[in-house]
Amino acid sequence: MMNLMLLVAGVVAVAVGYALFKLKQANDEIERVLKTNGELTAKNEQLQMQKAVAETQVKNAKVRKDNETKSIASDRSKLIDGLHATGDLRD
């Protein structure tokens, strides 16, 4: 009877030890995933900022190109008339 109780106690101890080991592994995996998620979130925010800067630079370059094209195509009298119309020309 005593041997049976010791055997059951040993099996229970091994089962509890195994469960604790698995819980520790799961906790370590959760910590690793959370750390990776944080790093990826930070990288994503950085890339979003870089994308916004690049899009702004492209837009500014397009506007500058359009303005240069318009200014090259305009003659002096059209420019003066346009400045008079907007009130930007000093008399």
PDB file of N, CA and C in Angstrom:
ATOM      1  N   MET A   1       0.816  -1.185   0.000  1.00  0.00           N
ATOM      2  CA  MET A   1       0.000   0.000   0.000  1.00  0.00           C
ATOM      3  C   MET A   1       0.868   1.260   0.000  1.00  0.00           C
ATOM      4  N   MET A   2       1.922   1.236   0.781  1.00  0.00           N
ATOM      5  CA  MET A   2       2.819   2.378   0.869  1.00  0.00           C
ATOM      6  C   MET A   2       3.517   2.612  -0.466  1.00  0.00           C
ATOM      7  N   ASN A   3       3.897   1.515  -1.132  1.00  0.00           N
ATOM      8  CA  ASN A   3       4.555   1.638  -2.429  1.00  0.00           C
ATOM      9  C   ASN A   3       3.617   2.246  -3.463  1.00  0.00           C
ATOM     10  N   LEU A   4       2.351   1.880  -3.398  1.00  0.00           N
ATOM     11  CA  LEU A   4       1.358   2.420  -4.323  1.00  0.00           C
ATOM     12  C   LEU A   4       1.193   3.926  -4.105  1.00  0.00           C
ATOM     13  N   MET A   5       1.155   4.341  -2.838  1.00  0.00           N
ATOM     14  CA  MET A   5       1.016   5.763  -2.525  1.00  0.00           C
ATOM     15  C   MET A   5       2.248   6.537  -2.990  1.00  0.00           C
ATOM     16  N   LEU A   6       3.425   5.952  -2.804  1.00  0.00           N
ATOM     17  CA  LEU A   6       4.643   6.610  -3.273  1.00  0.00           C
ATOM     18  C   LEU A   6       4.664   6.707  -4.800  1.00  0.00           C
ATOM     19  N   LEU A   7       4.190   5.665  -5.450  1.00  0.00           N
ATOM     20  CA  LEU A   7       4.120   5.662  -6.907  1.00  0.00           C
ATOM     21  C   LEU A   7       3.161   6.743  -7.398  1.00  0.00           C
ATOM     22  N   VAL A   8       1.987   6.840  -6.778  1.00  0.00           N
ATOM     23  CA  VAL A   8       0.999   7.860  -7.154  1.00  0.00           C
ATOM     24  C   VAL A   8       1.563   9.251  -6.882  1.00  0.00           C
ATOM     25  N   ALA A   9       2.215   9.431  -5.734  1.00  0.00           N
ATOM     26  CA  ALA A   9       2.805  10.726  -5.398  1.00  0.00           C
ATOM     27  C   ALA A   9       3.893  11.089  -6.407  1.00  0.00           C
ATOM     28  N   GLY A  10       4.683  10.120  -6.817  1.00  0.00           N
ATOM     29  CA  GLY A  10       5.725  10.362  -7.817  1.00  0.00           C
ATOM     30  C   GLY A  10       5.137  10.759  -9.162  1.00  0.00           C
ATOM     31  N   VAL A  11       4.069  10.046  -9.563  1.00  0.00           N
ATOM     32  CA  VAL A  11       3.415  10.362 -10.840  1.00  0.00           C
ATOM     33  C   VAL A  11       2.820  11.773 -10.790  1.00  0.00           C
ATOM     34  N   VAL A  12       2.185  12.111  -9.666  1.00  0.00           N
ATOM     35  CA  VAL A  12       1.605  13.450  -9.507  1.00  0.00           C
ATOM     36  C   VAL A  12       2.713  14.509  -9.543  1.00  0.00           C
ATOM     37  N   ALA A  13       3.826  14.242  -8.870  1.00  0.00           N
ATOM     38  CA  ALA A  13       4.935  15.194  -8.856  1.00  0.00           C
ATOM     39  C   ALA A  13       5.502  15.393 -10.262  1.00  0.00           C
ATOM     40  N   VAL A  14       5.641  14.304 -11.013  1.00  0.00           N
ATOM     41  CA  VAL A  14       6.137  14.406 -12.387  1.00  0.00           C
ATOM     42  C   VAL A  14       5.145  15.184 -13.250  1.00  0.00           C
ATOM     43  N   ALA A  15       3.849  14.914 -13.072  1.00  0.00           N
ATOM     44  CA  ALA A  15       2.825  15.617 -13.851  1.00  0.00           C
ATOM     45  C   ALA A  15       2.832  17.114 -13.535  1.00  0.00           C
ATOM     46  N   VAL A  16       2.940  17.459 -12.263  1.00  0.00           N
ATOM     47  CA  VAL A  16       2.981  18.872 -11.864  1.00  0.00           C
ATOM     48  C   VAL A  16       4.249  19.529 -12.404  1.00  0.00           C
ATOM     49  N   GLY A  17       5.362  18.841 -12.318  1.00  0.00           N
ATOM     50  CA  GLY A  17       6.617  19.374 -12.854  1.00  0.00           C
ATOM     51  C   GLY A  17       6.539  19.607 -14.354  1.00  0.00           C
ATOM     52  N   TYR A  18       5.942  18.649 -15.064  1.00  0.00           N
ATOM     53  CA  TYR A  18       5.784  18.778 -16.507  1.00  0.00           C
ATOM     54  C   TYR A  18       4.877  19.956 -16.846  1.00  0.00           C
ATOM     55  N   ALA A  19       3.784  20.091 -16.087  1.00  0.00           N
ATOM     56  CA  ALA A  19       2.854  21.199 -16.321  1.00  0.00           C
ATOM     57  C   ALA A  19       3.543  22.544 -16.077  1.00  0.00           C
ATOM     58  N   LEU A  20       4.326  22.637 -15.015  1.00  0.00           N
ATOM     59  CA  LEU A  20       5.047  23.875 -14.733  1.00  0.00           C
ATOM     60  C   LEU A  20       6.073  24.177 -15.828  1.00  0.00           C
ATOM     61  N   PHE A  21       6.740  23.138 -16.311  1.00  0.00           N
ATOM     62  CA  PHE A  21       7.707  23.303 -17.395  1.00  0.00           C
ATOM     63  C   PHE A  21       7.026  23.838 -18.655  1.00  0.00           C
ATOM     64  N   LYS A  22       5.871  23.268 -18.998  1.00  0.00           N
ATOM     65  CA  LYS A  22       5.129  23.703 -20.182  1.00  0.00           C
ATOM     66  C   LYS A  22       4.613  25.132 -20.006  1.00  0.00           C
ATOM     67  N   LEU A  23       4.165  25.475 -18.799  1.00  0.00           N
ATOM     68  CA  LEU A  23       3.716  26.844 -18.540  1.00  0.00           C
ATOM     69  C   LEU A  23       4.864  27.836 -18.714  1.00  0.00           C
ATOM     70  N   LYS A  24       6.042  27.466 -18.253  1.00  0.00           N
ATOM     71  CA  LYS A  24       7.215  28.330 -18.405  1.00  0.00           C
ATOM     72  C   LYS A  24       7.551  28.509 -19.880  1.00  0.00           C
ATOM     73  N   GLN A  25       7.492  27.426 -20.651  1.00  0.00           N
ATOM     74  CA  GLN A  25       7.747  27.520 -22.087  1.00  0.00           C
ATOM     75  C   GLN A  25       6.724  28.429 -22.765  1.00  0.00           C
ATOM     76  N   ALA A  26       5.455  28.266 -22.397  1.00  0.00           N
ATOM     77  CA  ALA A  26       4.400  29.095 -22.986  1.00  0.00           C
ATOM     78  C   ALA A  26       4.608  30.564 -22.625  1.00  0.00           C
ATOM     79  N   ASN A  27       4.978  30.826 -21.379  1.00  0.00           N
ATOM     80  CA  ASN A  27       5.224  32.200 -20.950  1.00  0.00           C
ATOM     81  C   ASN A  27       6.398  32.812 -21.716  1.00  0.00           C
ATOM     82  N   ASP A  28       7.457  32.040 -21.909  1.00  0.00           N
ATOM     83  CA  ASP A  28       8.610  32.522 -22.675  1.00  0.00           C
ATOM     84  C   ASP A  28       8.218  32.831 -24.123  1.00  0.00           C
ATOM     85  N   GLU A  29       7.397  31.977 -24.697  1.00  0.00           N
ATOM     86  CA  GLU A  29       6.934  32.189 -26.077  1.00  0.00           C
ATOM     87  C   GLU A  29       6.074  33.452 -26.169  1.00  0.00           C
ATOM     88  N   ILE A  30       5.211  33.654 -25.193  1.00  0.00           N
ATOM     89  CA  ILE A  30       4.373  34.862 -25.170  1.00  0.00           C
ATOM     90  C   ILE A  30       5.246  36.108 -25.076  1.00  0.00           C
ATOM     91  N   GLU A  31       6.237  36.085 -24.216  1.00  0.00           N
ATOM     92  CA  GLU A  31       7.141  37.229 -24.072  1.00  0.00           C
ATOM     93  C   GLU A  31       7.896  37.500 -25.374  1.00  0.00           C
ATOM     94  N   ARG A  32       8.336  36.442 -26.036  1.00  0.00           N
ATOM     95  CA  ARG A  32       9.057  36.599 -27.301  1.00  0.00           C
ATOM     96  C   ARG A  32       8.154  37.207 -28.368  1.00  0.00           C
ATOM     97  N   VAL A  33       6.923  36.721 -28.445  1.00  0.00           N
ATOM     98  CA  VAL A  33       5.980  37.235 -29.440  1.00  0.00           C
ATOM     99  C   VAL A  33       5.639  38.697 -29.154  1.00  0.00           C
ATOM    100  N   LEU A  34       5.436  39.044 -27.892  1.00  0.00           N
ATOM    101  CA  LEU A  34       5.132  40.431 -27.544  1.00  0.00           C
ATOM    102  C   LEU A  34       6.300  41.358 -27.885  1.00  0.00           C
ATOM    103  N   LYS A  35       7.515  40.899 -27.638  1.00  0.00           N
ATOM    104  CA  LYS A  35       8.694  41.703 -27.962  1.00  0.00           C
ATOM    105  C   LYS A  35       8.796  41.905 -29.471  1.00  0.00           C
ATOM    106  N   THR A  36       8.606  40.833 -30.224  1.00  0.00           N
ATOM    107  CA  THR A  36       8.656  40.921 -31.682  1.00  0.00           C
ATOM    108  C   THR A  36       7.562  41.841 -32.201  1.00  0.00           C
ATOM    109  N   ASN A  37       6.370  41.729 -31.621  1.00  0.00           N
ATOM    110  CA  ASN A  37       5.259  42.582 -32.032  1.00  0.00           C
ATOM    111  C   ASN A  37       5.589  44.051 -31.788  1.00  0.00           C
ATOM    112  N   GLY A  38       6.180  44.358 -30.660  1.00  0.00           N
ATOM    113  CA  GLY A  38       6.568  45.736 -30.365  1.00  0.00           C
ATOM    114  C   GLY A  38       7.596  46.266 -31.349  1.00  0.00           C
ATOM    115  N   GLU A  39       8.577  45.435 -31.672  1.00  0.00           N
ATOM    116  CA  GLU A  39       9.601  45.843 -32.638  1.00  0.00           C
ATOM    117  C   GLU A  39       8.990  46.076 -34.013  1.00  0.00           C
ATOM    118  N   LEU A  40       8.085  45.185 -34.424  1.00  0.00           N
ATOM    119  CA  LEU A  40       7.454  45.340 -35.731  1.00  0.00           C
ATOM    120  C   LEU A  40       6.541  46.561 -35.775  1.00  0.00           C
ATOM    121  N   THR A  41       5.868  46.850 -34.675  1.00  0.00           N
ATOM    122  CA  THR A  41       5.016  48.034 -34.615  1.00  0.00           C
ATOM    123  C   THR A  41       5.856  49.296 -34.756  1.00  0.00           C
ATOM    124  N   ALA A  42       6.985  49.343 -34.072  1.00  0.00           N
ATOM    125  CA  ALA A  42       7.873  50.504 -34.179  1.00  0.00           C
ATOM    126  C   ALA A  42       8.412  50.646 -35.602  1.00  0.00           C
ATOM    127  N   LYS A  43       8.792  49.544 -36.209  1.00  0.00           N
ATOM    128  CA  LYS A  43       9.295  49.574 -37.584  1.00  0.00           C
ATOM    129  C   LYS A  43       8.203  50.031 -38.545  1.00  0.00           C
ATOM    130  N   ASN A  44       6.973  49.571 -38.316  1.00  0.00           N
ATOM    131  CA  ASN A  44       5.845  49.962 -39.154  1.00  0.00           C
ATOM    132  C   ASN A  44       5.605  51.463 -39.066  1.00  0.00           C
ATOM    133  N   GLU A  45       5.649  52.017 -37.860  1.00  0.00           N
ATOM    134  CA  GLU A  45       5.461  53.455 -37.690  1.00  0.00           C
ATOM    135  C   GLU A  45       6.565  54.235 -38.403  1.00  0.00           C
ATOM    136  N   GLN A  46       7.797  53.746 -38.302  1.00  0.00           N
ATOM    137  CA  GLN A  46       8.916  54.402 -38.976  1.00  0.00           C
ATOM    138  C   GLN A  46       8.713  54.376 -40.491  1.00  0.00           C
ATOM    139  N   LEU A  47       8.283  53.232 -41.018  1.00  0.00           N
ATOM    140  CA  LEU A  47       8.069  53.121 -42.457  1.00  0.00           C
ATOM    141  C   LEU A  47       6.907  53.994 -42.917  1.00  0.00           C
ATOM    142  N   GLN A  48       5.868  54.113 -42.090  1.00  0.00           N
ATOM    143  CA  GLN A  48       4.750  54.992 -42.432  1.00  0.00           C
ATOM    144  C   GLN A  48       5.217  56.445 -42.520  1.00  0.00           C
ATOM    145  N   MET A  49       6.079  56.846 -41.592  1.00  0.00           N
ATOM    146  CA  MET A  49       6.612  58.210 -41.625  1.00  0.00           C
ATOM    147  C   MET A  49       7.468  58.419 -42.874  1.00  0.00           C
ATOM    148  N   GLN A  50       8.306  57.451 -43.198  1.00  0.00           N
ATOM    149  CA  GLN A  50       9.142  57.565 -44.393  1.00  0.00           C
ATOM    150  C   GLN A  50       8.284  57.625 -45.652  1.00  0.00           C
ATOM    151  N   LYS A  51       7.204  56.855 -45.669  1.00  0.00           N
ATOM    152  CA  LYS A  51       6.295  56.867 -46.813  1.00  0.00           C
ATOM    153  C   LYS A  51       5.645  58.234 -46.959  1.00  0.00           C
ATOM    154  N   ALA A  52       5.195  58.815 -45.846  1.00  0.00           N
ATOM    155  CA  ALA A  52       4.564  60.133 -45.893  1.00  0.00           C
ATOM    156  C   ALA A  52       5.548  61.186 -46.397  1.00  0.00           C
ATOM    157  N   VAL A  53       6.793  61.114 -45.942  1.00  0.00           N
ATOM    158  CA  VAL A  53       7.814  62.067 -46.396  1.00  0.00           C
ATOM    159  C   VAL A  53       8.058  61.901 -47.891  1.00  0.00           C
ATOM    160  N   ALA A  54       8.176  60.664 -48.340  1.00  0.00           N
ATOM    161  CA  ALA A  54       8.428  60.407 -49.761  1.00  0.00           C
ATOM    162  C   ALA A  54       7.260  60.884 -50.618  1.00  0.00           C
ATOM    163  N   GLU A  55       6.024  60.631 -50.167  1.00  0.00           N
ATOM    164  CA  GLU A  55       4.855  61.088 -50.920  1.00  0.00           C
ATOM    165  C   GLU A  55       4.817  62.610 -50.992  1.00  0.00           C
ATOM    166  N   THR A  56       5.167  63.275 -49.903  1.00  0.00           N
ATOM    167  CA  THR A  56       5.200  64.738 -49.899  1.00  0.00           C
ATOM    168  C   THR A  56       6.263  65.258 -50.854  1.00  0.00           C
ATOM    169  N   GLN A  57       7.425  64.616 -50.864  1.00  0.00           N
ATOM    170  CA  GLN A  57       8.488  65.039 -51.778  1.00  0.00           C
ATOM    171  C   GLN A  57       8.065  64.864 -53.233  1.00  0.00           C
ATOM    172  N   VAL A  58       7.388  63.764 -53.531  1.00  0.00           N
ATOM    173  CA  VAL A  58       6.917  63.529 -54.898  1.00  0.00           C
ATOM    174  C   VAL A  58       5.887  64.584 -55.284  1.00  0.00           C
ATOM    175  N   LYS A  59       4.962  64.873 -54.372  1.00  0.00           N
ATOM    176  CA  LYS A  59       3.932  65.877 -54.647  1.00  0.00           C
ATOM    177  C   LYS A  59       4.565  67.246 -54.872  1.00  0.00           C
ATOM    178  N   ASN A  60       5.523  67.619 -54.023  1.00  0.00           N
ATOM    179  CA  ASN A  60       6.189  68.911 -54.177  1.00  0.00           C
ATOM    180  C   ASN A  60       6.955  68.996 -55.495  1.00  0.00           C
ATOM    181  N   ALA A  61       7.601  67.912 -55.879  1.00  0.00           N
ATOM    182  CA  ALA A  61       8.333  67.901 -57.145  1.00  0.00           C
ATOM    183  C   ALA A  61       7.373  68.057 -58.320  1.00  0.00           C
ATOM    184  N   LYS A  62       6.218  67.409 -58.237  1.00  0.00           N
ATOM    185  CA  LYS A  62       5.224  67.515 -59.312  1.00  0.00           C
ATOM    186  C   LYS A  62       4.695  68.938 -59.412  1.00  0.00           C
ATOM    187  N   VAL A  63       4.383  69.550 -58.273  1.00  0.00           N
ATOM    188  CA  VAL A  63       3.885  70.925 -58.275  1.00  0.00           C
ATOM    189  C   VAL A  63       4.948  71.866 -58.831  1.00  0.00           C
ATOM    190  N   ARG A  64       6.197  71.682 -58.414  1.00  0.00           N
ATOM    191  CA  ARG A  64       7.283  72.524 -58.913  1.00  0.00           C
ATOM    192  C   ARG A  64       7.434  72.370 -60.424  1.00  0.00           C
ATOM    193  N   LYS A  65       7.350  71.136 -60.905  1.00  0.00           N
ATOM    194  CA  LYS A  65       7.468  70.887 -62.341  1.00  0.00           C
ATOM    195  C   LYS A  65       6.328  71.560 -63.092  1.00  0.00           C
ATOM    196  N   ASP A  66       5.106  71.427 -62.566  1.00  0.00           N
ATOM    197  CA  ASP A  66       3.953  72.071 -63.202  1.00  0.00           C
ATOM    198  C   ASP A  66       4.122  73.587 -63.222  1.00  0.00           C
ATOM    199  N   ASN A  67       4.581  74.148 -62.108  1.00  0.00           N
ATOM    200  CA  ASN A  67       4.784  75.599 -62.048  1.00  0.00           C
ATOM    201  C   ASN A  67       5.864  76.051 -63.024  1.00  0.00           C
ATOM    202  N   GLU A  68       6.939  75.287 -63.131  1.00  0.00           N
ATOM    203  CA  GLU A  68       7.998  75.636 -64.078  1.00  0.00           C
ATOM    204  C   GLU A  68       7.487  75.559 -65.509  1.00  0.00           C
ATOM    205  N   THR A  69       6.680  74.549 -65.799  1.00  0.00           N
ATOM    206  CA  THR A  69       6.117  74.410 -67.136  1.00  0.00           C
ATOM    207  C   THR A  69       5.208  75.587 -67.454  1.00  0.00           C
ATOM    208  N   LYS A  70       4.381  75.979 -66.491  1.00  0.00           N
ATOM    209  CA  LYS A  70       3.486  77.122 -66.703  1.00  0.00           C
ATOM    210  C   LYS A  70       4.271  78.408 -66.886  1.00  0.00           C
ATOM    211  N   SER A  71       5.317  78.595 -66.089  1.00  0.00           N
ATOM    212  CA  SER A  71       6.080  79.846 -66.187  1.00  0.00           C
ATOM    213  C   SER A  71       6.865  79.923 -67.492  1.00  0.00           C
ATOM    214  N   ILE A  72       7.319  78.808 -67.995  1.00  0.00           N
ATOM    215  CA  ILE A  72       8.044  78.802 -69.265  1.00  0.00           C
ATOM    216  C   ILE A  72       7.080  79.097 -70.410  1.00  0.00           C
ATOM    217  N   ALA A  73       5.871  78.565 -70.318  1.00  0.00           N
ATOM    218  CA  ALA A  73       4.894  78.728 -71.384  1.00  0.00           C
ATOM    219  C   ALA A  73       4.261  80.120 -71.378  1.00  0.00           C
ATOM    220  N   SER A  74       4.301  80.824 -70.268  1.00  0.00           N
ATOM    221  CA  SER A  74       3.674  82.139 -70.169  1.00  0.00           C
ATOM    222  C   SER A  74       4.604  83.209 -70.720  1.00  0.00           C
ATOM    223  N   ASP A  75       3.993  84.199 -71.352  1.00  0.00           N
ATOM    224  CA  ASP A  75       4.813  85.328 -71.772  1.00  0.00           C
ATOM    225  C   ASP A  75       4.670  86.458 -70.757  1.00  0.00           C
ATOM    226  N   ARG A  76       5.430  87.505 -70.950  1.00  0.00           N
ATOM    227  CA  ARG A  76       5.522  88.583 -69.967  1.00  0.00           C
ATOM    228  C   ARG A  76       4.175  89.262 -69.744  1.00  0.00           C
ATOM    229  N   SER A  77       3.442  89.527 -70.791  1.00  0.00           N
ATOM    230  CA  SER A  77       2.174  90.257 -70.642  1.00  0.00           C
ATOM    231  C   SER A  77       1.142  89.428 -69.877  1.00  0.00           C
ATOM    232  N   LYS A  78       1.117  88.132 -70.097  1.00  0.00           N
ATOM    233  CA  LYS A  78       0.185  87.276 -69.352  1.00  0.00           C
ATOM    234  C   LYS A  78       0.529  87.274 -67.866  1.00  0.00           C
ATOM    235  N   LEU A  79       1.827  87.250 -67.562  1.00  0.00           N
ATOM    236  CA  LEU A  79       2.242  87.273 -66.161  1.00  0.00           C
ATOM    237  C   LEU A  79       1.851  88.581 -65.490  1.00  0.00           C
ATOM    238  N   ILE A  80       2.069  89.693 -66.173  1.00  0.00           N
ATOM    239  CA  ILE A  80       1.713  90.995 -65.597  1.00  0.00           C
ATOM    240  C   ILE A  80       0.206  91.095 -65.414  1.00  0.00           C
ATOM    241  N   ASP A  81      -0.564  90.645 -66.405  1.00  0.00           N
ATOM    242  CA  ASP A  81      -2.026  90.667 -66.277  1.00  0.00           C
ATOM    243  C   ASP A  81      -2.488  89.786 -65.121  1.00  0.00           C
ATOM    244  N   GLY A  82      -1.859  88.638 -64.961  1.00  0.00           N
ATOM    245  CA  GLY A  82      -2.210  87.748 -63.848  1.00  0.00           C
ATOM    246  C   GLY A  82      -1.892  88.369 -62.506  1.00  0.00           C
ATOM    247  N   LEU A  83      -0.759  89.052 -62.400  1.00  0.00           N
ATOM    248  CA  LEU A  83      -0.399  89.724 -61.150  1.00  0.00           C
ATOM    249  C   LEU A  83      -1.342  90.883 -60.861  1.00  0.00           C
ATOM    250  N   HIS A  84      -1.748  91.622 -61.904  1.00  0.00           N
ATOM    251  CA  HIS A  84      -2.729  92.692 -61.702  1.00  0.00           C
ATOM    252  C   HIS A  84      -4.056  92.118 -61.207  1.00  0.00           C
ATOM    253  N   ALA A  85      -4.481  91.003 -61.790  1.00  0.00           N
ATOM    254  CA  ALA A  85      -5.771  90.406 -61.432  1.00  0.00           C
ATOM    255  C   ALA A  85      -5.797  89.944 -59.981  1.00  0.00           C
ATOM    256  N   THR A  86      -4.692  89.438 -59.492  1.00  0.00           N
ATOM    257  CA  THR A  86      -4.662  88.961 -58.104  1.00  0.00           C
ATOM    258  C   THR A  86      -4.256  90.041 -57.123  1.00  0.00           C
ATOM    259  N   GLY A  87      -3.859  91.199 -57.634  1.00  0.00           N
ATOM    260  CA  GLY A  87      -3.461  92.294 -56.759  1.00  0.00           C
ATOM    261  C   GLY A  87      -2.063  92.129 -56.207  1.00  0.00           C
ATOM    262  N   ASP A  88      -1.259  91.290 -56.818  1.00  0.00           N
ATOM    263  CA  ASP A  88       0.100  91.055 -56.332  1.00  0.00           C
ATOM    264  C   ASP A  88       1.130  91.980 -56.964  1.00  0.00           C
ATOM    265  N   LEU A  89       0.747  92.702 -57.994  1.00  0.00           N
ATOM    266  CA  LEU A  89       1.693  93.578 -58.687  1.00  0.00           C
ATOM    267  C   LEU A  89       1.661  94.959 -58.058  1.00  0.00           C
ATOM    268  N   ARG A  90       2.810  95.438 -57.672  1.00  0.00           N
ATOM    269  CA  ARG A  90       2.897  96.778 -57.090  1.00  0.00           C
ATOM    270  C   ARG A  90       2.977  97.806 -58.212  1.00  0.00           C
ATOM    271  N   ASP A  91       2.248  98.857 -58.040  1.00  0.00           N
ATOM    272  CA  ASP A  91       2.278  99.933 -59.049  1.00  0.00           C
ATOM    273  C   ASP A  91       3.260 100.994 -58.672  1.00  0.00           C
TER     274      ASP A  91
END
